[in-house]
Amino acid sequence: MSRIGVQPVSIPDGVTVTIGQGSVTAKGPKGENALSIPESISVEQGESGICVSRLDEEKTVRALHGTIRSLLANLVEGVSKGFERHLLIEGVGYRAALQGKELVLSLGFSHPIHYQIPDGIEVKVDGQTAVGVTGIDKQQVGLVAARIRAFSPVEPYKGKGVRYRDEQVRRKVGKAVA
């Protein structure tokens, strides 16, 4: 039995959840989002919240049970509070700027990097070296932050590059002069 899947998803005030045929839609103060549900998983709305159950005991269905419950919890949290990831840019001449729906990054290359911000995601640049990514879809927020970080991951010798705010970078000792 799934330890996560059996727990009900609580619905906070201000959020309405609509369970349809094969999908669940949540609407809250931050926006509206939907999740498609496989046929082998059943979703009902009870007194304590949304309950997820499986219709058979196949291995793939058992694996999906907890996953769907976690995705539903993220769906409800996203439309009520939203998700955010913070990135820091370190290095001489490394900076970020917003130009409309485009993030322009100067990361030590011969050319600036232009990244189109997808719909549903909001990016804020604070002081040219701090980038905040916010949105209602946890997967999309994480994906955008990972793509921005992938342009120039932190190197271990000088610590230059793009990193998450809470990421610890293990520094290496350079070559010793004999």
Protein backbone atom coordinates (compact mmCIF):
# COMPACT_ATOMS: atom_id res chain seq x y z
CA MET A 1 0.00 0.00 0.00
CA SER A 2 1.29 3.43 -0.90
CA ARG A 3 2.04 5.49 2.20
CA ILE A 4 1.75 8.75 0.28
CA GLY A 5 -1.15 7.74 -1.98
CA VAL A 6 -3.58 6.98 0.86
CA GLN A 7 -3.24 10.43 2.44
CA PRO A 8 -5.97 12.87 1.35
CA VAL A 9 -4.99 16.15 -0.34
CA SER A 10 -6.38 19.01 1.73
CA ILE A 11 -7.98 21.89 -0.15
CA PRO A 12 -7.23 25.37 1.29
CA ASP A 13 -9.73 28.22 1.37
CA GLY A 14 -10.11 30.04 -1.93
CA VAL A 15 -9.33 26.97 -4.05
CA THR A 16 -12.02 25.10 -6.00
CA VAL A 17 -11.32 21.65 -7.42
CA THR A 18 -13.36 20.17 -10.28
CA ILE A 19 -13.04 16.45 -10.95
CA GLY A 20 -13.94 15.59 -14.53
CA GLN A 21 -13.67 12.54 -16.74
CA GLY A 22 -9.93 11.76 -16.77
CA SER A 23 -8.78 15.13 -15.41
CA VAL A 24 -8.74 17.32 -12.31
CA THR A 25 -8.87 21.11 -12.56
CA ALA A 26 -7.95 23.45 -9.70
CA LYS A 27 -8.73 27.15 -9.63
CA GLY A 28 -7.31 29.50 -7.02
CA PRO A 29 -6.05 33.02 -6.39
CA LYS A 30 -2.86 32.47 -8.46
CA GLY A 31 -4.62 30.98 -11.50
CA GLU A 32 -6.01 27.77 -12.94
CA ASN A 33 -4.24 24.49 -13.72
CA ALA A 34 -5.27 20.97 -14.75
CA LEU A 35 -3.90 17.45 -14.41
CA SER A 36 -4.84 14.43 -16.50
CA ILE A 37 -5.55 11.24 -14.52
CA PRO A 38 -4.85 7.73 -15.89
CA GLU A 39 -7.85 5.39 -16.25
CA SER A 40 -6.48 3.00 -13.62
CA ILE A 41 -6.55 5.68 -10.89
CA SER A 42 -9.73 6.92 -9.21
CA VAL A 43 -10.05 10.42 -7.71
CA GLU A 44 -12.93 11.45 -5.43
CA GLN A 45 -13.58 14.54 -3.37
CA GLY A 46 -14.44 13.77 0.24
CA GLU A 47 -14.88 15.70 3.49
CA SER A 48 -11.17 15.75 4.32
CA GLY A 49 -10.06 16.61 0.77
CA ILE A 50 -9.25 14.78 -2.45
CA CYS A 51 -8.80 11.00 -2.07
CA VAL A 52 -6.81 8.98 -4.62
CA SER A 53 -7.30 5.23 -5.01
CA ARG A 54 -6.23 2.63 -7.53
CA LEU A 55 -8.58 0.33 -9.41
CA ASP A 56 -6.25 -2.70 -9.74
CA GLU A 57 -3.02 -4.02 -8.24
CA GLU A 58 -0.67 -4.03 -11.25
CA LYS A 59 2.87 -2.88 -10.60
CA THR A 60 2.61 0.21 -12.84
CA VAL A 61 -0.69 1.24 -11.23
CA ARG A 62 0.78 0.84 -7.74
CA ALA A 63 3.68 3.06 -8.81
CA LEU A 64 1.30 5.72 -10.18
CA HIS A 65 -0.82 5.83 -7.00
CA GLY A 66 1.56 7.95 -4.90
CA THR A 67 2.77 9.90 -7.91
CA ILE A 68 -0.72 11.10 -8.85
CA ARG A 69 -1.43 12.05 -5.24
CA SER A 70 1.79 14.13 -5.11
CA LEU A 71 0.99 15.79 -8.45
CA LEU A 72 -2.50 16.67 -7.14
CA ALA A 73 -0.98 18.16 -3.97
CA ASN A 74 1.40 20.24 -6.14
CA LEU A 75 -1.54 21.30 -8.33
CA VAL A 76 -3.51 22.59 -5.32
CA GLU A 77 -0.46 24.26 -3.74
CA GLY A 78 0.47 25.90 -7.04
CA VAL A 79 -2.88 27.63 -7.56
CA SER A 80 -3.03 28.74 -3.91
CA LYS A 81 0.59 29.78 -3.11
CA GLY A 82 2.65 29.26 -6.27
CA PHE A 83 6.22 27.99 -6.59
CA GLU A 84 9.50 29.84 -6.86
CA ARG A 85 13.18 29.10 -7.48
CA HIS A 86 15.99 31.58 -6.95
CA LEU A 87 19.24 31.64 -8.92
CA LEU A 88 22.45 33.57 -8.26
CA ILE A 89 24.93 34.61 -10.94
CA GLU A 90 28.57 34.88 -9.84
CA GLY A 91 31.54 36.01 -11.89
CA VAL A 92 33.15 39.17 -13.20
CA GLY A 93 30.98 40.58 -15.98
CA TYR A 94 28.26 37.95 -15.45
CA ARG A 95 24.81 39.55 -15.39
CA ALA A 96 21.17 39.12 -16.33
CA ALA A 97 18.56 41.53 -17.70
CA LEU A 98 14.93 41.33 -18.78
CA GLN A 99 13.83 42.58 -22.20
CA GLY A 100 10.08 42.01 -22.45
CA LYS A 101 9.42 38.24 -22.40
CA GLU A 102 13.11 37.46 -22.90
CA LEU A 103 15.92 36.95 -20.39
CA VAL A 104 19.29 38.17 -21.64
CA LEU A 105 22.28 36.58 -19.90
CA SER A 106 25.93 37.67 -20.19
CA LEU A 107 27.88 34.66 -18.95
CA GLY A 108 31.40 35.16 -20.26
CA PHE A 109 30.73 33.98 -23.80
CA SER A 110 31.44 36.07 -26.90
CA HIS A 111 27.70 36.70 -27.28
CA PRO A 112 24.75 37.27 -24.93
CA ILE A 113 22.33 34.38 -24.38
CA HIS A 114 18.66 35.14 -25.15
CA TYR A 115 16.17 32.87 -23.35
CA GLN A 116 12.46 33.09 -24.20
CA ILE A 117 10.37 32.89 -21.02
CA PRO A 118 7.49 30.42 -21.48
CA ASP A 119 3.86 31.37 -20.81
CA GLY A 120 2.76 30.92 -17.21
CA ILE A 121 6.23 31.66 -15.83
CA GLU A 122 7.34 34.98 -14.38
CA VAL A 123 11.02 35.87 -14.12
CA LYS A 124 12.35 38.74 -12.00
CA VAL A 125 15.91 40.07 -12.07
CA ASP A 126 17.15 41.76 -8.91
CA GLY A 127 20.39 43.73 -9.14
CA GLN A 128 21.69 41.98 -12.30
CA THR A 129 22.92 38.92 -10.37
CA ALA A 130 19.79 37.46 -8.76
CA VAL A 131 17.09 35.79 -10.85
CA GLY A 132 13.74 34.65 -9.44
CA VAL A 133 11.52 32.19 -11.33
CA THR A 134 7.87 31.93 -10.19
CA GLY A 135 4.74 30.19 -11.47
CA ILE A 136 1.87 27.87 -10.58
CA ASP A 137 3.28 24.70 -12.19
CA LYS A 138 6.07 23.17 -10.08
CA GLN A 139 7.48 21.13 -12.95
CA GLN A 140 7.65 24.08 -15.32
CA VAL A 141 9.23 26.39 -12.70
CA GLY A 142 11.91 23.79 -11.99
CA LEU A 143 12.50 23.18 -15.69
CA VAL A 144 12.97 26.89 -16.49
CA ALA A 145 15.34 27.33 -13.52
CA ALA A 146 17.34 24.26 -14.58
CA ARG A 147 17.61 25.50 -18.17
CA ILE A 148 18.86 28.91 -17.02
CA ARG A 149 21.39 27.21 -14.73
CA ALA A 150 22.53 24.89 -17.54
CA PHE A 151 23.80 27.82 -19.64
CA SER A 152 26.79 28.13 -17.28
CA PRO A 153 26.90 25.71 -14.32
CA VAL A 154 29.16 26.69 -11.45
CA GLU A 155 32.75 25.61 -11.92
CA PRO A 156 34.54 24.36 -8.79
CA TYR A 157 37.78 26.39 -8.99
CA LYS A 158 36.65 30.02 -8.97
CA GLY A 159 32.92 29.49 -8.30
CA LYS A 160 31.85 31.33 -11.46
CA GLY A 161 28.52 30.52 -13.06
CA VAL A 162 24.80 30.24 -12.33
CA ARG A 163 23.70 28.39 -9.19
CA TYR A 164 20.60 27.95 -7.06
CA ARG A 165 20.48 30.25 -4.05
CA ASP A 166 20.59 27.35 -1.58
CA GLU A 167 23.15 25.29 -3.55
CA GLN A 168 26.47 24.54 -1.87
CA VAL A 169 29.47 24.63 -4.23
CA ARG A 170 32.45 22.50 -3.21
CA ARG A 171 35.55 24.44 -4.16
CA LYS A 172 38.68 22.67 -5.36
CA VAL A 173 42.25 23.74 -4.75
CA GLY A 174 44.03 24.87 -7.91
CA LYS A 175 47.47 23.84 -9.05
CA ALA A 176 50.22 24.40 -6.54
CA VAL A 177 53.24 26.37 -7.70
CA ALA A 178 56.40 24.35 -7.03
